[in-house]
């Protein structure tokens, strides 16, 4: 039903910009898998690595 996104298809500049634009607050993180849609609210997050994303 849903294909996994290959790691090389993630735009590292867009990832960096997205992480840099989140100052504070609450956000919703979502994903879509073969098992369905999943989401959760978070008050803090970080990118562990930009390479690989």
N, C-alpha and C. Protein backbone atom coordinates (compact mmCIF):
# COMPACT_ATOMS: atom_id res chain seq x y z
N UNK A 1 0.82 -1.19 0.00
CA UNK A 1 0.00 0.00 0.00
C UNK A 1 0.87 1.25 0.00
N UNK A 2 1.69 1.43 1.01
CA UNK A 2 2.60 2.58 1.07
C UNK A 2 4.03 2.07 0.93
N UNK A 3 4.79 2.71 0.09
CA UNK A 3 6.19 2.35 -0.07
C UNK A 3 7.03 3.12 0.94
N UNK A 4 8.10 2.51 1.39
CA UNK A 4 9.02 3.20 2.28
C UNK A 4 9.82 4.21 1.47
N UNK A 5 10.14 5.33 2.09
CA UNK A 5 10.93 6.37 1.41
C UNK A 5 12.40 6.00 1.51
N UNK A 6 13.10 5.90 0.38
CA UNK A 6 14.53 5.61 0.44
C UNK A 6 15.28 6.72 1.16
N UNK A 7 16.29 6.36 1.93
CA UNK A 7 17.05 7.34 2.71
C UNK A 7 17.67 8.41 1.82
N UNK A 8 18.06 8.08 0.60
CA UNK A 8 18.70 9.06 -0.27
C UNK A 8 17.71 10.06 -0.87
N UNK A 9 16.40 9.90 -0.61
CA UNK A 9 15.42 10.83 -1.16
C UNK A 9 15.10 11.97 -0.20
N UNK A 10 15.67 11.98 1.00
CA UNK A 10 15.41 13.04 1.97
C UNK A 10 16.34 14.22 1.67
N UNK A 11 15.77 15.39 1.50
CA UNK A 11 16.54 16.60 1.22
C UNK A 11 17.17 17.09 2.52
N UNK A 12 18.49 16.97 2.64
CA UNK A 12 19.15 17.33 3.89
C UNK A 12 19.02 18.82 4.21
N UNK A 13 18.95 19.67 3.19
CA UNK A 13 18.76 21.11 3.43
C UNK A 13 17.38 21.36 4.01
N UNK A 14 16.37 20.68 3.48
CA UNK A 14 15.01 20.83 4.00
C UNK A 14 14.92 20.31 5.43
N UNK A 15 15.60 19.21 5.73
CA UNK A 15 15.63 18.67 7.09
C UNK A 15 16.27 19.67 8.04
N UNK A 16 17.40 20.24 7.64
CA UNK A 16 18.09 21.23 8.48
C UNK A 16 17.22 22.46 8.70
N UNK A 17 16.56 22.94 7.64
CA UNK A 17 15.69 24.10 7.77
C UNK A 17 14.49 23.81 8.68
N UNK A 18 13.91 22.62 8.55
CA UNK A 18 12.76 22.26 9.38
C UNK A 18 13.16 22.19 10.85
N UNK A 19 14.28 21.56 11.14
CA UNK A 19 14.74 21.46 12.53
C UNK A 19 15.11 22.83 13.09
N UNK A 20 15.68 23.68 12.26
CA UNK A 20 16.09 25.01 12.70
C UNK A 20 14.94 25.98 12.91
N UNK A 21 13.80 25.70 12.30
CA UNK A 21 12.67 26.62 12.44
C UNK A 21 11.80 26.32 13.65
N UNK A 22 12.03 25.20 14.32
CA UNK A 22 11.24 24.86 15.51
C UNK A 22 11.93 25.42 16.73
N UNK A 23 11.38 26.50 17.27
CA UNK A 23 12.02 27.15 18.42
C UNK A 23 11.60 26.49 19.73
N UNK A 24 10.31 26.43 19.97
CA UNK A 24 9.78 25.85 21.20
C UNK A 24 8.30 25.61 21.03
N UNK A 25 7.73 24.84 21.91
CA UNK A 25 6.29 24.60 21.85
C UNK A 25 5.99 23.13 21.70
N UNK A 26 4.79 22.86 21.26
CA UNK A 26 4.35 21.48 21.07
C UNK A 26 4.12 21.27 19.58
N UNK A 27 4.52 20.14 19.08
CA UNK A 27 4.31 19.81 17.67
C UNK A 27 3.77 18.40 17.57
N UNK A 28 3.26 18.06 16.42
CA UNK A 28 2.76 16.72 16.15
C UNK A 28 3.66 16.08 15.11
N UNK A 29 4.19 14.91 15.43
CA UNK A 29 5.04 14.15 14.51
C UNK A 29 4.19 13.02 13.95
N UNK A 30 4.15 12.89 12.62
CA UNK A 30 3.33 11.86 12.00
C UNK A 30 4.13 11.05 11.01
N UNK A 31 3.66 9.85 10.75
CA UNK A 31 4.25 9.00 9.73
C UNK A 31 3.16 8.11 9.16
N UNK A 32 3.39 7.62 7.96
CA UNK A 32 2.46 6.72 7.30
C UNK A 32 3.22 5.44 6.97
N UNK A 33 2.70 4.30 7.43
CA UNK A 33 3.31 3.01 7.17
C UNK A 33 2.29 2.05 6.58
N UNK A 34 2.73 0.85 6.27
CA UNK A 34 1.80 -0.16 5.78
C UNK A 34 0.73 -0.49 6.81
N UNK A 35 1.06 -0.31 8.09
CA UNK A 35 0.12 -0.62 9.18
C UNK A 35 -0.87 0.51 9.43
N UNK A 36 -0.70 1.65 8.80
CA UNK A 36 -1.62 2.78 8.98
C UNK A 36 -0.89 4.05 9.33
N UNK A 37 -1.65 5.07 9.66
CA UNK A 37 -1.10 6.37 10.05
C UNK A 37 -0.82 6.37 11.54
N UNK A 38 0.27 7.00 11.93
CA UNK A 38 0.66 7.08 13.34
C UNK A 38 1.08 8.51 13.64
N UNK A 39 0.79 8.96 14.86
CA UNK A 39 1.17 10.30 15.25
C UNK A 39 1.34 10.41 16.76
N UNK A 40 2.10 11.41 17.17
CA UNK A 40 2.29 11.67 18.59
C UNK A 40 2.64 13.14 18.77
N UNK A 41 2.34 13.66 19.95
CA UNK A 41 2.72 15.04 20.25
C UNK A 41 4.04 15.03 21.01
N UNK A 42 4.87 16.01 20.72
CA UNK A 42 6.17 16.13 21.39
C UNK A 42 6.42 17.58 21.75
N UNK A 43 7.18 17.78 22.81
CA UNK A 43 7.54 19.14 23.20
C UNK A 43 9.01 19.42 22.92
N UNK A 44 9.77 18.39 22.58
CA UNK A 44 11.18 18.58 22.21
C UNK A 44 11.59 17.46 21.28
N UNK A 45 12.41 17.78 20.31
CA UNK A 45 12.94 16.76 19.40
C UNK A 45 14.26 17.27 18.83
N UNK A 46 15.03 16.38 18.25
CA UNK A 46 16.28 16.78 17.62
C UNK A 46 16.64 15.79 16.54
N UNK A 47 17.43 16.22 15.60
CA UNK A 47 17.94 15.33 14.59
C UNK A 47 19.24 14.73 15.11
N UNK A 48 19.33 13.43 15.12
CA UNK A 48 20.53 12.78 15.61
C UNK A 48 21.67 12.95 14.60
N UNK A 49 21.32 12.99 13.31
CA UNK A 49 22.34 13.07 12.29
C UNK A 49 21.75 13.71 11.04
N UNK A 50 22.53 14.53 10.35
CA UNK A 50 22.12 15.03 9.05
C UNK A 50 22.65 14.14 7.95
N UNK A 51 23.65 13.32 8.23
CA UNK A 51 24.22 12.41 7.24
C UNK A 51 24.56 11.08 7.90
N UNK A 52 23.72 10.07 7.84
CA UNK A 52 22.45 10.02 7.12
C UNK A 52 21.36 10.73 7.91
N UNK A 53 20.33 11.19 7.18
CA UNK A 53 19.25 11.92 7.84
C UNK A 53 18.41 11.03 8.75
